[in-house]
Amino acid sequence: MLKEFIVKKSTIPGAGKGLFVNRDVKKGERIIEYLGEIISWKECDIRAERDEGGYVFYVNRNKCIDAFHTPEAYARYANDAKGLTKIKSVKNNCQYEIYKKTGWISATKNIKSGSEVFVSYGAQYWRDIRYNMKLEKQKLKEEKLNNKSK
């Protein structure tokens, strides 16, 4: 199944790696299962505090699929076209889906072979990212001021 996909540099600047299909995909098709370690939402919070977050598929509060330590889990490389860097012509072509208590990426449009898979992470994800970036910027600014005063 993994031969149906390739992981390479995303078409979205600054997004890192992206997931691409090596075959045509039909709208409505479940294309790849989201794999990783099964943990609870409580454990997700603990890992996020250790900066081990960002690759979690939430099924329910007792079952989350964490691909942070599973780089061979290709679904984790799907990017969100509505992220921090947007390209006008690039739109999400997939969605996350829960099927029989497992996580999947499913096509919302027909996708041509060689195309990148894009799936929405949700508005809350991007609010959290922007908030964390703001905190990091403030922290760096404060460190710079503290270093000047020494």
Protein backbone atom coordinates (compact mmCIF):
# COMPACT_ATOMS: atom_id res chain seq x y z
CA MET A 1 0.00 0.00 0.00
CA LEU A 2 2.82 2.45 0.75
CA LYS A 3 3.94 2.26 -2.88
CA GLU A 4 0.74 4.22 -3.61
CA PHE A 5 2.27 7.20 -1.80
CA ILE A 6 5.45 9.21 -1.74
CA VAL A 7 6.69 11.60 0.92
CA LYS A 8 8.68 14.53 -0.43
CA LYS A 9 8.96 18.31 -0.07
CA SER A 10 5.52 19.90 0.13
CA THR A 11 4.32 22.32 -2.51
CA ILE A 12 3.46 24.70 0.37
CA PRO A 13 6.50 26.85 1.20
CA GLY A 14 7.78 26.23 4.72
CA ALA A 15 5.51 23.23 5.33
CA GLY A 16 8.30 20.65 5.25
CA LYS A 17 7.39 17.27 3.84
CA GLY A 18 4.11 16.45 2.16
CA LEU A 19 2.17 13.33 1.20
CA PHE A 20 1.65 12.66 -2.53
CA VAL A 21 -0.41 9.98 -4.27
CA ASN A 22 1.11 7.71 -6.93
CA ARG A 23 -2.26 6.84 -8.45
CA ASP A 24 -5.55 8.49 -9.30
CA VAL A 25 -7.92 8.66 -6.32
CA LYS A 26 -11.71 8.90 -6.56
CA LYS A 27 -13.82 11.27 -4.47
CA GLY A 28 -15.13 9.52 -1.35
CA GLU A 29 -12.34 6.93 -1.27
CA ARG A 30 -10.60 6.18 2.02
CA ILE A 31 -7.01 6.53 0.86
CA ILE A 32 -4.74 6.01 3.87
CA GLU A 33 -5.14 4.93 7.47
CA TYR A 34 -3.69 7.20 10.15
CA LEU A 35 -1.33 4.97 12.10
CA GLY A 36 0.72 5.50 15.24
CA GLU A 37 0.78 4.80 18.94
CA ILE A 38 -2.63 4.56 20.67
CA ILE A 39 -2.77 6.91 23.67
CA SER A 40 -5.37 8.83 25.69
CA TRP A 41 -6.14 12.54 25.32
CA LYS A 42 -4.58 13.04 28.78
CA GLU A 43 -1.33 11.55 27.47
CA CYS A 44 -1.57 13.86 24.41
CA ASP A 45 -1.58 16.86 26.75
CA ILE A 46 1.45 15.51 28.63
CA ARG A 47 3.34 14.98 25.37
CA ALA A 48 2.40 18.42 24.09
CA GLU A 49 3.99 19.95 27.20
CA ARG A 50 7.20 18.12 26.19
CA ASP A 51 6.93 19.48 22.61
CA GLU A 52 6.02 16.01 21.34
CA GLY A 53 2.78 17.04 19.66
CA GLY A 54 1.45 17.85 16.24
CA TYR A 55 0.79 14.39 14.82
CA VAL A 56 -2.29 13.33 16.78
CA PHE A 57 -5.53 12.00 15.31
CA TYR A 58 -8.30 12.31 17.91
CA VAL A 59 -10.78 9.42 17.86
CA ASN A 60 -12.18 9.93 21.37
CA ARG A 61 -10.78 10.98 24.75
CA ASN A 62 -9.57 7.44 25.42
CA LYS A 63 -8.18 6.78 21.95
CA CYS A 64 -5.86 9.11 20.10
CA ILE A 65 -3.46 7.99 17.40
CA ASP A 66 -0.07 9.63 17.90
CA ALA A 67 2.30 9.44 14.92
CA PHE A 68 4.96 11.73 16.47
CA HIS A 69 7.36 8.83 17.04
CA THR A 70 6.21 6.96 13.90
CA PRO A 71 7.84 8.62 10.85
CA GLU A 72 6.93 5.59 8.72
CA ALA A 73 3.23 6.40 9.23
CA TYR A 74 2.74 8.27 5.94
CA ALA A 75 -0.64 9.86 6.76
CA ARG A 76 1.12 12.19 9.21
CA TYR A 77 2.71 14.01 6.25
CA ALA A 78 -0.59 15.31 4.83
CA ASN A 79 -0.58 19.11 5.08
CA ASP A 80 -3.39 21.63 5.44
CA ALA A 81 -3.77 23.99 2.46
CA LYS A 82 -5.38 26.51 4.85
CA GLY A 83 -2.29 26.67 7.07
CA LEU A 84 0.09 29.51 7.88
CA THR A 85 1.28 29.80 4.27
CA LYS A 86 -1.52 29.72 1.73
CA ILE A 87 -1.31 29.37 -2.03
CA LYS A 88 -4.40 30.77 -3.74
CA SER A 89 -4.83 27.87 -6.17
CA VAL A 90 -4.24 25.12 -3.57
CA LYS A 91 -7.28 23.77 -1.71
CA ASN A 92 -7.82 20.85 0.66
CA ASN A 93 -8.78 17.71 -1.26
CA CYS A 94 -9.31 15.34 1.67
CA GLN A 95 -10.80 15.10 5.14
CA TYR A 96 -10.12 13.14 8.29
CA GLU A 97 -12.62 10.36 8.92
CA ILE A 98 -13.23 7.94 11.76
CA TYR A 99 -14.16 4.50 10.44
CA LYS A 100 -14.72 1.62 12.88
CA LYS A 101 -12.72 3.49 15.57
CA THR A 102 -9.74 3.93 13.25
CA GLY A 103 -8.46 7.14 11.69
CA TRP A 104 -8.41 7.68 7.93
CA ILE A 105 -7.80 10.33 5.31
CA SER A 106 -10.56 10.27 2.70
CA ALA A 107 -10.75 12.12 -0.61
CA THR A 108 -13.32 14.92 -0.90
CA LYS A 109 -12.42 15.40 -4.58
CA ASN A 110 -10.93 13.31 -7.36
CA ILE A 111 -7.15 13.51 -7.03
CA LYS A 112 -4.74 12.97 -9.92
CA SER A 113 -1.66 10.79 -9.58
CA GLY A 114 1.33 12.88 -8.49
CA SER A 115 -0.80 15.36 -6.53
CA GLU A 116 -0.29 16.33 -2.92
CA VAL A 117 -2.82 15.29 -0.28
CA PHE A 118 -4.26 18.24 1.67
CA VAL A 119 -6.53 17.86 4.70
CA SER A 120 -7.94 20.43 7.13
CA TYR A 121 -6.41 20.43 10.60
CA GLY A 122 -9.27 22.58 11.87
CA ALA A 123 -9.45 26.20 13.01
CA GLN A 124 -8.54 25.37 16.63
CA TYR A 125 -5.24 23.81 15.53
CA TRP A 126 -4.19 26.99 13.69
CA ARG A 127 -5.34 29.24 16.56
CA ASP A 128 -3.12 27.20 18.90
CA ILE A 129 -0.17 27.38 16.50
CA ARG A 130 -0.49 31.15 16.12
CA TYR A 131 -0.80 31.56 19.90
CA ASN A 132 2.30 29.43 20.50
CA MET A 133 4.22 31.41 17.87
CA LYS A 134 3.20 34.65 19.62
CA LEU A 135 4.39 33.27 22.98
CA GLU A 136 7.69 32.17 21.45
CA LYS A 137 8.19 35.61 19.89
CA GLN A 138 7.50 37.30 23.26
CA LYS A 139 9.90 34.93 24.99
CA LEU A 140 12.68 35.72 22.51
CA LYS A 141 12.01 39.45 22.87
CA GLU A 142 12.23 39.21 26.68
CA GLU A 143 15.45 37.17 26.49
CA LYS A 144 16.96 39.79 24.18
CA LEU A 145 16.00 42.58 26.60
CA ASN A 146 17.40 40.62 29.57
CA ASN A 147 20.68 40.03 27.74
CA LYS A 148 20.99 43.78 26.94
CA SER A 149 20.47 44.73 30.59
CA LYS A 150 23.28 42.46 31.81
